[in-house]
Amino acid sequence: MGLFSLSIQDISILAAVLLIAFTVHEFAHAFTAYKFGDMTAKKQGRLTLNPISHLDPLGTIFMFIAGFGWARPVPVNRHFFKQPRLASIIVALMGPLSNFLMALIGYAILYFIVINGHAMQLPSLVMNFFQQFIRINLVLFVFNLLPFPPLDGYRIVEDLVSPSFRPKLTQYEQYGGLIFLVLVLIPPLNAVTISPIIHVVPNYFIQSFQTLFSLF
């Protein structure tokens, strides 16, 4: 669904959700790296919840037009970590995990709005916001864990493999990024690879949320 097929309300909701999701995602990386002893992001003004410090204009435009996008990556210097491999994995993981937690919190709020009978009293804009907030954060959670550079999933794989194998990954990193872009941008390939992952998998999480909250 492209930008020009959306209503003004949908565009406003999407912009607001992306603003929050991208900002918290990058802040989570910066904050975790800072806690592990890396001051790089803090010195560059990235240890903040100010969206202006994190948004990438081109990445945001791509999210509207192509259905995927990105923020400005937080700079991380693993040499400041006492345990570089473990800390780097956690730093990379915290970005997607922040999106998952936001989706879970958003679902909790929406769930209690509905079961308390307030849904009909609220503007449709509010309900649409929470629905999109949940889904987009789950898409970002899954999307960023894909093992393609420069996504967080690839950074995690880099530190999970043996140190002797890591240079081989680096050697082919540029090709991995190119392959990923081909899979995303060419519709026939996207339809059987990336698209099912980022559109189908989040549904399973939503179903799990429904099961979880139905216990209350």
N, C-alpha and C. Protein backbone atom coordinates (compact mmCIF):
# COMPACT_ATOMS: atom_id res chain seq x y z
N MET A 1 0.86 -1.20 0.00
CA MET A 1 0.00 0.00 0.00
C MET A 1 0.89 1.24 0.00
N GLY A 2 0.79 2.05 -1.05
CA GLY A 2 1.63 3.21 -1.18
C GLY A 2 1.05 4.43 -0.51
N LEU A 3 1.86 5.44 -0.47
CA LEU A 3 1.47 6.69 0.19
C LEU A 3 0.23 7.30 -0.44
N PHE A 4 0.13 7.24 -1.79
CA PHE A 4 -0.95 7.94 -2.48
C PHE A 4 -2.29 7.22 -2.37
N SER A 5 -2.27 5.98 -1.85
CA SER A 5 -3.52 5.25 -1.66
C SER A 5 -4.08 5.44 -0.25
N LEU A 6 -3.37 6.19 0.58
CA LEU A 6 -3.78 6.39 1.97
C LEU A 6 -4.57 7.69 2.11
N SER A 7 -5.47 7.68 3.09
CA SER A 7 -6.20 8.90 3.42
C SER A 7 -5.30 9.80 4.28
N ILE A 8 -5.70 11.04 4.45
CA ILE A 8 -4.94 11.97 5.29
C ILE A 8 -4.83 11.43 6.72
N GLN A 9 -5.94 10.85 7.20
CA GLN A 9 -5.92 10.29 8.55
C GLN A 9 -4.93 9.13 8.65
N ASP A 10 -4.93 8.25 7.64
CA ASP A 10 -4.01 7.10 7.64
C ASP A 10 -2.56 7.57 7.61
N ILE A 11 -2.28 8.58 6.80
CA ILE A 11 -0.92 9.12 6.70
C ILE A 11 -0.49 9.71 8.04
N SER A 12 -1.40 10.42 8.70
CA SER A 12 -1.09 11.03 10.01
C SER A 12 -0.79 9.95 11.05
N ILE A 13 -1.60 8.89 11.05
CA ILE A 13 -1.40 7.80 11.99
C ILE A 13 -0.07 7.10 11.72
N LEU A 14 0.18 6.80 10.45
CA LEU A 14 1.42 6.12 10.08
C LEU A 14 2.64 6.95 10.47
N ALA A 15 2.58 8.25 10.21
CA ALA A 15 3.70 9.13 10.56
C ALA A 15 3.93 9.15 12.06
N ALA A 16 2.87 9.24 12.84
CA ALA A 16 2.99 9.27 14.30
C ALA A 16 3.56 7.97 14.84
N VAL A 17 3.06 6.84 14.30
CA VAL A 17 3.54 5.53 14.76
C VAL A 17 5.02 5.35 14.43
N LEU A 18 5.40 5.69 13.20
CA LEU A 18 6.81 5.55 12.80
C LEU A 18 7.71 6.46 13.63
N LEU A 19 7.23 7.65 13.91
CA LEU A 19 8.00 8.59 14.71
C LEU A 19 8.33 7.97 16.07
N ILE A 20 7.34 7.37 16.69
CA ILE A 20 7.54 6.74 18.01
C ILE A 20 8.39 5.48 17.88
N ALA A 21 8.02 4.61 16.93
CA ALA A 21 8.67 3.30 16.81
C ALA A 21 10.16 3.43 16.47
N PHE A 22 10.49 4.28 15.49
CA PHE A 22 11.88 4.45 15.11
C PHE A 22 12.69 5.09 16.24
N THR A 23 12.10 6.09 16.89
CA THR A 23 12.81 6.81 17.94
C THR A 23 13.14 5.91 19.12
N VAL A 24 12.15 5.17 19.60
CA VAL A 24 12.37 4.28 20.74
C VAL A 24 13.35 3.16 20.37
N HIS A 25 13.23 2.64 19.15
CA HIS A 25 14.14 1.59 18.68
C HIS A 25 15.60 2.04 18.75
N GLU A 26 15.88 3.20 18.19
CA GLU A 26 17.26 3.69 18.18
C GLU A 26 17.72 4.10 19.57
N PHE A 27 16.82 4.68 20.36
CA PHE A 27 17.17 5.03 21.73
C PHE A 27 17.54 3.78 22.52
N ALA A 28 16.83 2.68 22.29
CA ALA A 28 17.12 1.42 22.99
C ALA A 28 18.53 0.94 22.68
N HIS A 29 18.93 1.05 21.41
CA HIS A 29 20.32 0.70 21.05
C HIS A 29 21.30 1.60 21.80
N ALA A 30 21.06 2.91 21.74
CA ALA A 30 21.98 3.88 22.34
C ALA A 30 22.08 3.70 23.85
N PHE A 31 20.94 3.53 24.49
CA PHE A 31 20.91 3.41 25.95
C PHE A 31 21.62 2.14 26.41
N THR A 32 21.38 1.04 25.70
CA THR A 32 22.02 -0.23 26.07
C THR A 32 23.53 -0.16 25.88
N ALA A 33 23.96 0.41 24.76
CA ALA A 33 25.40 0.57 24.53
C ALA A 33 26.03 1.44 25.61
N TYR A 34 25.33 2.51 25.98
CA TYR A 34 25.81 3.40 27.04
C TYR A 34 25.96 2.65 28.36
N LYS A 35 25.00 1.80 28.69
CA LYS A 35 25.05 1.04 29.93
C LYS A 35 26.19 0.03 29.93
N PHE A 36 26.61 -0.41 28.75
CA PHE A 36 27.73 -1.34 28.65
C PHE A 36 29.07 -0.62 28.54
N GLY A 37 29.05 0.71 28.62
CA GLY A 37 30.29 1.47 28.67
C GLY A 37 30.68 2.22 27.41
N ASP A 38 29.84 2.17 26.37
CA ASP A 38 30.14 2.87 25.12
C ASP A 38 29.47 4.24 25.13
N MET A 39 30.26 5.30 25.15
CA MET A 39 29.75 6.67 25.21
C MET A 39 29.55 7.30 23.82
N THR A 40 29.82 6.52 22.76
CA THR A 40 29.80 7.07 21.40
C THR A 40 28.47 7.72 21.05
N ALA A 41 27.37 6.98 21.25
CA ALA A 41 26.04 7.51 20.91
C ALA A 41 25.71 8.72 21.75
N LYS A 42 26.07 8.69 23.02
CA LYS A 42 25.79 9.82 23.92
C LYS A 42 26.52 11.07 23.44
N LYS A 43 27.79 10.91 23.07
CA LYS A 43 28.58 12.05 22.62
C LYS A 43 28.05 12.64 21.31
N GLN A 44 27.39 11.81 20.51
CA GLN A 44 26.86 12.28 19.23
C GLN A 44 25.40 12.71 19.34
N GLY A 45 24.90 12.82 20.56
CA GLY A 45 23.54 13.30 20.77
C GLY A 45 22.46 12.30 20.43
N ARG A 46 22.79 10.99 20.44
CA ARG A 46 21.81 9.97 20.07
C ARG A 46 21.17 9.31 21.29
N LEU A 47 21.65 9.62 22.49
CA LEU A 47 21.04 9.07 23.70
C LEU A 47 19.88 9.98 24.10
N THR A 48 18.85 9.99 23.26
CA THR A 48 17.73 10.91 23.43
C THR A 48 16.48 10.32 22.80
N LEU A 49 15.33 10.78 23.28
CA LEU A 49 14.05 10.40 22.68
C LEU A 49 13.54 11.49 21.74
N ASN A 50 14.43 12.38 21.35
CA ASN A 50 14.09 13.41 20.36
C ASN A 50 14.11 12.78 18.97
N PRO A 51 12.97 12.68 18.29
CA PRO A 51 12.91 12.00 16.99
C PRO A 51 13.85 12.59 15.95
N ILE A 52 14.08 13.88 16.01
CA ILE A 52 14.92 14.54 15.00
C ILE A 52 16.32 13.94 14.99
N SER A 53 16.78 13.46 16.13
CA SER A 53 18.12 12.90 16.23
C SER A 53 18.23 11.52 15.61
N HIS A 54 17.11 10.87 15.36
CA HIS A 54 17.14 9.48 14.92
C HIS A 54 16.58 9.23 13.53
N LEU A 55 15.66 10.07 13.07
CA LEU A 55 14.99 9.78 11.81
C LEU A 55 15.89 10.00 10.60
N ASP A 56 15.77 9.10 9.65
CA ASP A 56 16.44 9.23 8.36
C ASP A 56 15.37 9.60 7.33
N PRO A 57 15.46 10.75 6.70
CA PRO A 57 14.40 11.19 5.78
C PRO A 57 14.10 10.17 4.68
N LEU A 58 15.14 9.63 4.05
CA LEU A 58 14.94 8.68 2.96
C LEU A 58 14.31 7.39 3.48
N GLY A 59 14.77 6.94 4.65
CA GLY A 59 14.21 5.72 5.23
C GLY A 59 12.75 5.85 5.57
N THR A 60 12.35 7.02 6.03
CA THR A 60 10.96 7.27 6.37
C THR A 60 10.10 7.31 5.11
N ILE A 61 10.60 7.94 4.05
CA ILE A 61 9.87 7.99 2.78
C ILE A 61 9.67 6.59 2.22
N PHE A 62 10.70 5.75 2.32
CA PHE A 62 10.59 4.38 1.82
C PHE A 62 9.53 3.59 2.58
N MET A 63 9.37 3.87 3.88
CA MET A 63 8.35 3.16 4.65
C MET A 63 6.96 3.46 4.10
N PHE A 64 6.73 4.69 3.68
CA PHE A 64 5.43 5.05 3.12
C PHE A 64 5.24 4.44 1.72
N ILE A 65 6.28 4.51 0.91
CA ILE A 65 6.15 4.13 -0.49
C ILE A 65 6.32 2.62 -0.72
N ALA A 66 7.36 2.05 -0.10
CA ALA A 66 7.70 0.65 -0.37
C ALA A 66 7.25 -0.31 0.72
N GLY A 67 6.81 0.23 1.87
CA GLY A 67 6.36 -0.66 2.95
C GLY A 67 7.48 -1.06 3.89
N PHE A 68 8.69 -0.55 3.69
CA PHE A 68 9.78 -0.78 4.63
C PHE A 68 10.61 0.50 4.72
N GLY A 69 11.37 0.61 5.78
CA GLY A 69 12.18 1.82 5.95
C GLY A 69 13.18 1.65 7.06
N TRP A 70 13.82 2.74 7.44
CA TRP A 70 14.86 2.66 8.45
C TRP A 70 15.07 4.02 9.10
N ALA A 71 15.70 4.01 10.26
CA ALA A 71 16.13 5.23 10.92
C ALA A 71 17.64 5.34 10.80
N ARG A 72 18.21 6.41 11.30
CA ARG A 72 19.67 6.55 11.29
C ARG A 72 20.26 5.57 12.29
N PRO A 73 21.16 4.69 11.85
CA PRO A 73 21.74 3.72 12.78
C PRO A 73 22.51 4.41 13.90
N VAL A 74 22.37 3.90 15.10
CA VAL A 74 23.11 4.42 16.25
C VAL A 74 24.57 3.94 16.17
N PRO A 75 25.54 4.83 16.30
CA PRO A 75 26.94 4.39 16.27
C PRO A 75 27.30 3.62 17.53
N VAL A 76 27.92 2.47 17.35
CA VAL A 76 28.32 1.63 18.48
C VAL A 76 29.78 1.24 18.30
N ASN A 77 30.58 1.44 19.33
CA ASN A 77 31.99 1.04 19.31
C ASN A 77 32.18 -0.11 20.30
N ARG A 78 32.25 -1.31 19.77
CA ARG A 78 32.33 -2.52 20.60
C ARG A 78 33.61 -2.61 21.41
N HIS A 79 34.61 -1.80 21.08
CA HIS A 79 35.89 -1.84 21.80
C HIS A 79 35.75 -1.32 23.23
N PHE A 80 34.67 -0.63 23.52
CA PHE A 80 34.44 -0.15 24.88
C PHE A 80 33.75 -1.20 25.77
N PHE A 81 33.30 -2.29 25.16
CA PHE A 81 32.60 -3.32 25.92
C PHE A 81 33.59 -4.28 26.58
N LYS A 82 33.31 -4.65 27.82
CA LYS A 82 34.16 -5.63 28.50
C LYS A 82 34.02 -7.01 27.88
N GLN A 83 32.81 -7.34 27.45
CA GLN A 83 32.55 -8.59 26.73
C GLN A 83 31.94 -8.23 25.38
N PRO A 84 32.79 -7.93 24.40
CA PRO A 84 32.31 -7.37 23.13
C PRO A 84 31.23 -8.19 22.43
N ARG A 85 31.40 -9.50 22.36
CA ARG A 85 30.44 -10.31 21.62
C ARG A 85 29.08 -10.32 22.31
N LEU A 86 29.06 -10.59 23.61
CA LEU A 86 27.80 -10.65 24.35
C LEU A 86 27.12 -9.29 24.38
N ALA A 87 27.88 -8.24 24.67
CA ALA A 87 27.30 -6.90 24.74
C ALA A 87 26.76 -6.46 23.39
N SER A 88 27.48 -6.78 22.32
CA SER A 88 27.04 -6.38 20.98
C SER A 88 25.74 -7.07 20.59
N ILE A 89 25.60 -8.34 20.98
CA ILE A 89 24.37 -9.07 20.70
C ILE A 89 23.20 -8.42 21.43
N ILE A 90 23.42 -8.09 22.71
CA ILE A 90 22.35 -7.49 23.50
C ILE A 90 21.98 -6.11 22.96
N VAL A 91 22.99 -5.32 22.60
CA VAL A 91 22.73 -3.99 22.04
C VAL A 91 21.91 -4.10 20.76
N ALA A 92 22.29 -5.03 19.88
CA ALA A 92 21.56 -5.22 18.62
C ALA A 92 20.14 -5.72 18.87
N LEU A 93 19.99 -6.60 19.85
CA LEU A 93 18.68 -7.20 20.14
C LEU A 93 17.71 -6.20 20.76
N MET A 94 18.22 -5.23 21.51
CA MET A 94 17.34 -4.33 22.26
C MET A 94 16.50 -3.44 21.37
N GLY A 95 16.97 -3.14 20.15
CA GLY A 95 16.17 -2.34 19.23
C GLY A 95 14.88 -3.05 18.85
N PRO A 96 14.99 -4.25 18.22
CA PRO A 96 13.77 -5.00 17.90
C PRO A 96 12.93 -5.33 19.13
N LEU A 97 13.58 -5.65 20.24
CA LEU A 97 12.84 -5.99 21.45
C LEU A 97 12.00 -4.80 21.93
N SER A 98 12.52 -3.58 21.75
CA SER A 98 11.75 -2.40 22.15
C SER A 98 10.49 -2.29 21.31
N ASN A 99 10.56 -2.66 20.03
CA ASN A 99 9.37 -2.64 19.18
C ASN A 99 8.36 -3.69 19.63
N PHE A 100 8.86 -4.86 20.01
CA PHE A 100 7.97 -5.91 20.51
C PHE A 100 7.26 -5.45 21.79
N LEU A 101 8.01 -4.85 22.70
CA LEU A 101 7.42 -4.39 23.96
C LEU A 101 6.40 -3.28 23.72
N MET A 102 6.68 -2.39 22.76
CA MET A 102 5.71 -1.35 22.45
C MET A 102 4.43 -1.94 21.88
N ALA A 103 4.58 -2.98 21.04
CA ALA A 103 3.39 -3.65 20.48
C ALA A 103 2.58 -4.30 21.60
N LEU A 104 3.27 -4.93 22.54
CA LEU A 104 2.59 -5.59 23.66
C LEU A 104 1.87 -4.57 24.54
N ILE A 105 2.53 -3.46 24.83
CA ILE A 105 1.91 -2.40 25.63
C ILE A 105 0.71 -1.81 24.89
N GLY A 106 0.89 -1.58 23.59
CA GLY A 106 -0.20 -1.04 22.79
C GLY A 106 -1.40 -1.98 22.78
N TYR A 107 -1.14 -3.29 22.67
CA TYR A 107 -2.24 -4.26 22.68
C TYR A 107 -2.93 -4.27 24.04
N ALA A 108 -2.15 -4.17 25.11
CA ALA A 108 -2.74 -4.16 26.46
C ALA A 108 -3.69 -2.97 26.62
N ILE A 109 -3.25 -1.80 26.15
CA ILE A 109 -4.11 -0.60 26.25
C ILE A 109 -5.38 -0.79 25.43
N LEU A 110 -5.22 -1.26 24.17
CA LEU A 110 -6.38 -1.46 23.31
C LEU A 110 -7.32 -2.51 23.89
N TYR A 111 -6.76 -3.57 24.45
CA TYR A 111 -7.58 -4.65 25.02
C TYR A 111 -8.46 -4.13 26.16
N PHE A 112 -7.86 -3.37 27.05
CA PHE A 112 -8.62 -2.88 28.19
C PHE A 112 -9.61 -1.77 27.80
N ILE A 113 -9.32 -1.05 26.72
CA ILE A 113 -10.29 -0.09 26.19
C ILE A 113 -11.53 -0.84 25.71
N VAL A 114 -11.30 -1.94 25.00
CA VAL A 114 -12.40 -2.71 24.42
C VAL A 114 -13.21 -3.42 25.49
N ILE A 115 -12.54 -4.13 26.41
CA ILE A 115 -13.31 -4.92 27.39
C ILE A 115 -14.04 -4.04 28.40
N ASN A 116 -13.61 -2.80 28.55
CA ASN A 116 -14.29 -1.89 29.45
C ASN A 116 -15.38 -1.08 28.75
N GLY A 117 -15.59 -1.40 27.47
CA GLY A 117 -16.68 -0.79 26.74
C GLY A 117 -16.47 0.65 26.30
N HIS A 118 -15.20 1.07 26.20
CA HIS A 118 -14.92 2.46 25.84
C HIS A 118 -14.66 2.64 24.34
N ALA A 119 -14.58 1.54 23.61
CA ALA A 119 -14.20 1.63 22.20
C ALA A 119 -15.17 2.50 21.39
N MET A 120 -16.45 2.36 21.65
CA MET A 120 -17.45 3.11 20.89
C MET A 120 -17.47 4.58 21.26
N GLN A 121 -16.89 4.91 22.42
CA GLN A 121 -16.91 6.30 22.88
C GLN A 121 -15.72 7.09 22.36
N LEU A 122 -14.73 6.39 21.85
CA LEU A 122 -13.51 7.06 21.38
C LEU A 122 -13.57 7.31 19.89
N PRO A 123 -12.91 8.36 19.41
CA PRO A 123 -12.85 8.62 17.97
C PRO A 123 -12.19 7.46 17.24
N SER A 124 -12.59 7.22 16.01
CA SER A 124 -12.00 6.13 15.23
C SER A 124 -10.50 6.34 15.06
N LEU A 125 -10.06 7.60 15.08
CA LEU A 125 -8.64 7.91 14.95
C LEU A 125 -7.83 7.24 16.05
N VAL A 126 -8.36 7.23 17.27
CA VAL A 126 -7.65 6.64 18.41
C VAL A 126 -7.54 5.13 18.24
N MET A 127 -8.65 4.49 17.87
CA MET A 127 -8.65 3.05 17.69
C MET A 127 -7.73 2.64 16.54
N ASN A 128 -7.77 3.39 15.46
CA ASN A 128 -6.90 3.11 14.31
C ASN A 128 -5.43 3.27 14.69
N PHE A 129 -5.16 4.28 15.52
CA PHE A 129 -3.78 4.50 15.94
C PHE A 129 -3.24 3.28 16.68
N PHE A 130 -4.00 2.78 17.65
CA PHE A 130 -3.53 1.63 18.42
C PHE A 130 -3.39 0.38 17.55
N GLN A 131 -4.31 0.18 16.63
CA GLN A 131 -4.22 -0.98 15.75
C GLN A 131 -2.97 -0.92 14.89
N GLN A 132 -2.69 0.26 14.33
CA GLN A 132 -1.49 0.42 13.51
C GLN A 132 -0.21 0.41 14.36
N PHE A 133 -0.30 0.95 15.56
CA PHE A 133 0.84 0.97 16.47
C PHE A 133 1.28 -0.45 16.78
N ILE A 134 0.32 -1.31 17.04
CA ILE A 134 0.62 -2.71 17.35
C ILE A 134 1.23 -3.40 16.14
N ARG A 135 0.56 -3.30 15.00
CA ARG A 135 1.00 -4.03 13.82
C ARG A 135 2.36 -3.53 13.31
N ILE A 136 2.54 -2.23 13.22
CA ILE A 136 3.79 -1.71 12.68
C ILE A 136 4.97 -2.04 13.58
N ASN A 137 4.78 -1.98 14.89
CA ASN A 137 5.87 -2.34 15.79
C ASN A 137 6.21 -3.83 15.69
N LEU A 138 5.21 -4.67 15.46
CA LEU A 138 5.49 -6.09 15.27
C LEU A 138 6.21 -6.33 13.95
N VAL A 139 5.81 -5.59 12.91
CA VAL A 139 6.50 -5.70 11.63
C VAL A 139 7.97 -5.29 11.78
N LEU A 140 8.21 -4.19 12.50
CA LEU A 140 9.59 -3.73 12.72
C LEU A 140 10.37 -4.73 13.55
N PHE A 141 9.71 -5.34 14.51
CA PHE A 141 10.36 -6.37 15.34
C PHE A 141 10.84 -7.53 14.47
N VAL A 142 9.96 -8.05 13.64
CA VAL A 142 10.30 -9.18 12.78
C VAL A 142 11.30 -8.76 11.70
N PHE A 143 11.01 -7.63 11.06
CA PHE A 143 11.83 -7.13 9.96
C PHE A 143 13.29 -6.94 10.39
N ASN A 144 13.48 -6.34 11.55
CA ASN A 144 14.84 -6.04 11.99
C ASN A 144 15.62 -7.26 12.46
N LEU A 145 14.93 -8.37 12.67
CA LEU A 145 15.62 -9.60 13.07
C LEU A 145 16.02 -10.47 11.87
N LEU A 146 15.66 -10.03 10.66
CA LEU A 146 16.09 -10.77 9.48
C LEU A 146 17.62 -10.68 9.37
N PRO A 147 18.27 -11.80 9.00
CA PRO A 147 19.75 -11.83 9.01
C PRO A 147 20.39 -11.24 7.76
N PHE A 148 19.99 -10.03 7.40
CA PHE A 148 20.57 -9.35 6.25
C PHE A 148 21.21 -8.04 6.72
N PRO A 149 22.40 -7.70 6.21
CA PRO A 149 22.97 -6.40 6.54
C PRO A 149 22.14 -5.31 5.91
N PRO A 150 21.94 -4.18 6.57
CA PRO A 150 22.54 -3.79 7.85
C PRO A 150 21.58 -3.98 9.03
N LEU A 151 20.65 -4.92 8.92
CA LEU A 151 19.63 -5.10 9.96
C LEU A 151 20.23 -5.67 11.23
N ASP A 152 19.50 -5.51 12.34
CA ASP A 152 19.99 -5.97 13.64
C ASP A 152 20.20 -7.48 13.66
N GLY A 153 19.36 -8.21 12.93
CA GLY A 153 19.49 -9.66 12.89
C GLY A 153 20.85 -10.09 12.36
N TYR A 154 21.34 -9.36 11.38
CA TYR A 154 22.67 -9.67 10.83
C TYR A 154 23.76 -9.39 11.85
N ARG A 155 23.62 -8.30 12.61
CA ARG A 155 24.61 -7.96 13.63
C ARG A 155 24.64 -9.03 14.73
N ILE A 156 23.48 -9.58 15.02
CA ILE A 156 23.43 -10.65 16.02
C ILE A 156 24.13 -11.90 15.50
N VAL A 157 23.85 -12.25 14.24
CA VAL A 157 24.49 -13.43 13.63
C VAL A 157 26.00 -13.26 13.61
N GLU A 158 26.47 -12.05 13.32
CA GLU A 158 27.90 -11.78 13.28
C GLU A 158 28.60 -12.19 14.57
N ASP A 159 27.94 -11.94 15.71
CA ASP A 159 28.57 -12.25 16.99
C ASP A 159 28.22 -13.63 17.51
N LEU A 160 27.28 -14.30 16.88
CA LEU A 160 26.96 -15.68 17.27
C LEU A 160 27.90 -16.68 16.61
N VAL A 161 28.37 -16.35 15.41
CA VAL A 161 29.29 -17.25 14.72
C VAL A 161 30.67 -17.15 15.35
N SER A 162 31.52 -18.09 15.07
CA SER A 162 32.87 -18.09 15.62
C SER A 162 33.67 -16.92 15.07
N PRO A 163 34.61 -16.37 15.86
CA PRO A 163 35.43 -15.24 15.40
C PRO A 163 36.15 -15.53 14.09
N SER A 164 36.51 -16.79 13.85
CA SER A 164 37.24 -17.14 12.63
C SER A 164 36.34 -17.05 11.40
N PHE A 165 35.03 -17.20 11.62
CA PHE A 165 34.10 -17.16 10.49
C PHE A 165 33.61 -15.74 10.19
N ARG A 166 33.76 -14.85 11.16
CA ARG A 166 33.24 -13.49 11.01
C ARG A 166 33.83 -12.75 9.82
N PRO A 167 35.16 -12.85 9.55
CA PRO A 167 35.71 -12.15 8.37
C PRO A 167 35.06 -12.59 7.07
N LYS A 168 34.63 -13.86 7.00
CA LYS A 168 33.97 -14.34 5.78
C LYS A 168 32.61 -13.65 5.61
N LEU A 169 31.91 -13.45 6.73
CA LEU A 169 30.64 -12.72 6.66
C LEU A 169 30.87 -11.30 6.18
N THR A 170 31.89 -10.66 6.73
CA THR A 170 32.20 -9.27 6.36
C THR A 170 32.54 -9.17 4.88
N GLN A 171 33.23 -10.20 4.38
CA GLN A 171 33.64 -10.23 2.98
C GLN A 171 32.44 -10.18 2.03
N TYR A 172 31.36 -10.85 2.43
CA TYR A 172 30.18 -10.92 1.57
C TYR A 172 29.06 -9.99 2.03
N GLU A 173 29.36 -9.11 2.98
CA GLU A 173 28.34 -8.24 3.55
C GLU A 173 27.70 -7.35 2.50
N GLN A 174 28.50 -6.80 1.60
CA GLN A 174 27.95 -5.90 0.59
C GLN A 174 26.99 -6.62 -0.35
N TYR A 175 27.26 -7.89 -0.60
CA TYR A 175 26.38 -8.66 -1.47
C TYR A 175 25.09 -9.04 -0.74
N GLY A 176 25.21 -9.28 0.57
CA GLY A 176 24.03 -9.60 1.36
C GLY A 176 23.05 -8.46 1.36
N GLY A 177 23.56 -7.24 1.49
CA GLY A 177 22.71 -6.06 1.45
C GLY A 177 22.04 -5.91 0.10
N LEU A 178 22.79 -6.19 -0.97
CA LEU A 178 22.24 -6.09 -2.32
C LEU A 178 21.15 -7.12 -2.55
N ILE A 179 21.40 -8.35 -2.08
CA ILE A 179 20.40 -9.41 -2.22
C ILE A 179 19.13 -9.04 -1.46
N PHE A 180 19.31 -8.47 -0.29
CA PHE A 180 18.15 -8.07 0.52
C PHE A 180 17.32 -7.01 -0.21
N LEU A 181 17.98 -6.02 -0.80
CA LEU A 181 17.27 -4.97 -1.53
C LEU A 181 16.53 -5.55 -2.74
N VAL A 182 17.15 -6.52 -3.42
CA VAL A 182 16.49 -7.17 -4.56
C VAL A 182 15.23 -7.89 -4.10
N LEU A 183 15.33 -8.61 -2.97
CA LEU A 183 14.18 -9.34 -2.45
C LEU A 183 13.05 -8.40 -2.04
N VAL A 184 13.43 -7.22 -1.55
CA VAL A 184 12.43 -6.26 -1.09
C VAL A 184 11.79 -5.51 -2.25
N LEU A 185 12.59 -5.10 -3.22
CA LEU A 185 12.12 -4.17 -4.26
C LEU A 185 11.49 -4.84 -5.48
N ILE A 186 11.81 -6.12 -5.74
CA ILE A 186 11.24 -6.81 -6.90
C ILE A 186 10.00 -7.57 -6.46
N PRO A 187 8.81 -7.13 -6.90
CA PRO A 187 7.54 -7.69 -6.41
C PRO A 187 7.44 -9.21 -6.43
N PRO A 188 7.78 -9.91 -7.54
CA PRO A 188 7.63 -11.37 -7.52
C PRO A 188 8.47 -12.05 -6.43
N LEU A 189 9.68 -11.53 -6.23
CA LEU A 189 10.55 -12.11 -5.20
C LEU A 189 10.06 -11.73 -3.81
N ASN A 190 9.65 -10.47 -3.66
CA ASN A 190 9.16 -9.99 -2.38
C ASN A 190 7.94 -10.78 -1.93
N ALA A 191 7.07 -11.14 -2.89
CA ALA A 191 5.81 -11.81 -2.57
C ALA A 191 6.03 -13.19 -1.96
N VAL A 192 7.17 -13.82 -2.26
CA VAL A 192 7.40 -15.19 -1.76
C VAL A 192 8.50 -15.25 -0.70
N THR A 193 9.08 -14.09 -0.37
CA THR A 193 10.17 -14.09 0.62
C THR A 193 9.90 -13.13 1.78
N ILE A 194 10.21 -11.86 1.58
CA ILE A 194 10.13 -10.88 2.66
C ILE A 194 8.69 -10.58 3.07
N SER A 195 7.81 -10.41 2.09
CA SER A 195 6.43 -10.01 2.39
C SER A 195 5.70 -10.96 3.33
N PRO A 196 5.75 -12.28 3.11
CA PRO A 196 5.07 -13.19 4.05
C PRO A 196 5.62 -13.09 5.47
N ILE A 197 6.93 -12.86 5.57
CA ILE A 197 7.55 -12.79 6.89
C ILE A 197 7.04 -11.58 7.67
N ILE A 198 7.00 -10.43 7.02
CA ILE A 198 6.66 -9.22 7.75
C ILE A 198 5.15 -8.95 7.80
N HIS A 199 4.36 -9.71 7.01
CA HIS A 199 2.92 -9.50 7.05
C HIS A 199 2.17 -10.66 7.71
N VAL A 200 2.72 -11.86 7.63
CA VAL A 200 2.05 -13.03 8.20
C VAL A 200 2.50 -13.29 9.63
N VAL A 201 3.81 -13.26 9.86
CA VAL A 201 4.34 -13.56 11.18
C VAL A 201 3.76 -12.67 12.28
N PRO A 202 3.63 -11.33 12.06
CA PRO A 202 3.03 -10.50 13.11
C PRO A 202 1.63 -10.95 13.53
N ASN A 203 0.89 -11.57 12.60
CA ASN A 203 -0.45 -12.06 12.94
C ASN A 203 -0.39 -13.12 14.03
N TYR A 204 0.64 -13.94 14.01
CA TYR A 204 0.78 -14.97 15.03
C TYR A 204 1.03 -14.35 16.40
N PHE A 205 1.80 -13.27 16.42
CA PHE A 205 2.03 -12.58 17.70
C PHE A 205 0.73 -11.96 18.21
N ILE A 206 -0.05 -11.36 17.31
CA ILE A 206 -1.32 -10.77 17.72
C ILE A 206 -2.26 -11.84 18.28
N GLN A 207 -2.29 -13.00 17.64
CA GLN A 207 -3.10 -14.11 18.14
C GLN A 207 -2.61 -14.56 19.51
N SER A 208 -1.29 -14.54 19.70
CA SER A 208 -0.73 -14.91 21.01
C SER A 208 -1.11 -13.89 22.07
N PHE A 209 -1.10 -12.61 21.69
CA PHE A 209 -1.52 -11.56 22.62
C PHE A 209 -2.98 -11.77 23.01
N GLN A 210 -3.81 -12.11 22.03
CA GLN A 210 -5.22 -12.33 22.30
C GLN A 210 -5.40 -13.47 23.30
N THR A 211 -4.66 -14.54 23.09
CA THR A 211 -4.73 -15.69 24.01
C THR A 211 -4.26 -15.31 25.40
N LEU A 212 -3.16 -14.57 25.45
CA LEU A 212 -2.59 -14.17 26.74
C LEU A 212 -3.56 -13.31 27.52
N PHE A 213 -4.10 -12.28 26.88
CA PHE A 213 -4.95 -11.33 27.61
C PHE A 213 -6.34 -11.88 27.88
N SER A 214 -6.75 -12.91 27.15
CA SER A 214 -8.05 -13.53 27.43
C SER A 214 -8.02 -14.28 28.75
N LEU A 215 -6.82 -14.52 29.29
CA LEU A 215 -6.71 -15.20 30.58
C LEU A 215 -7.04 -14.29 31.75
N PHE A 216 -7.03 -12.96 31.50
CA PHE A 216 -7.29 -12.00 32.57
C PHE A 216 -8.79 -11.79 32.77
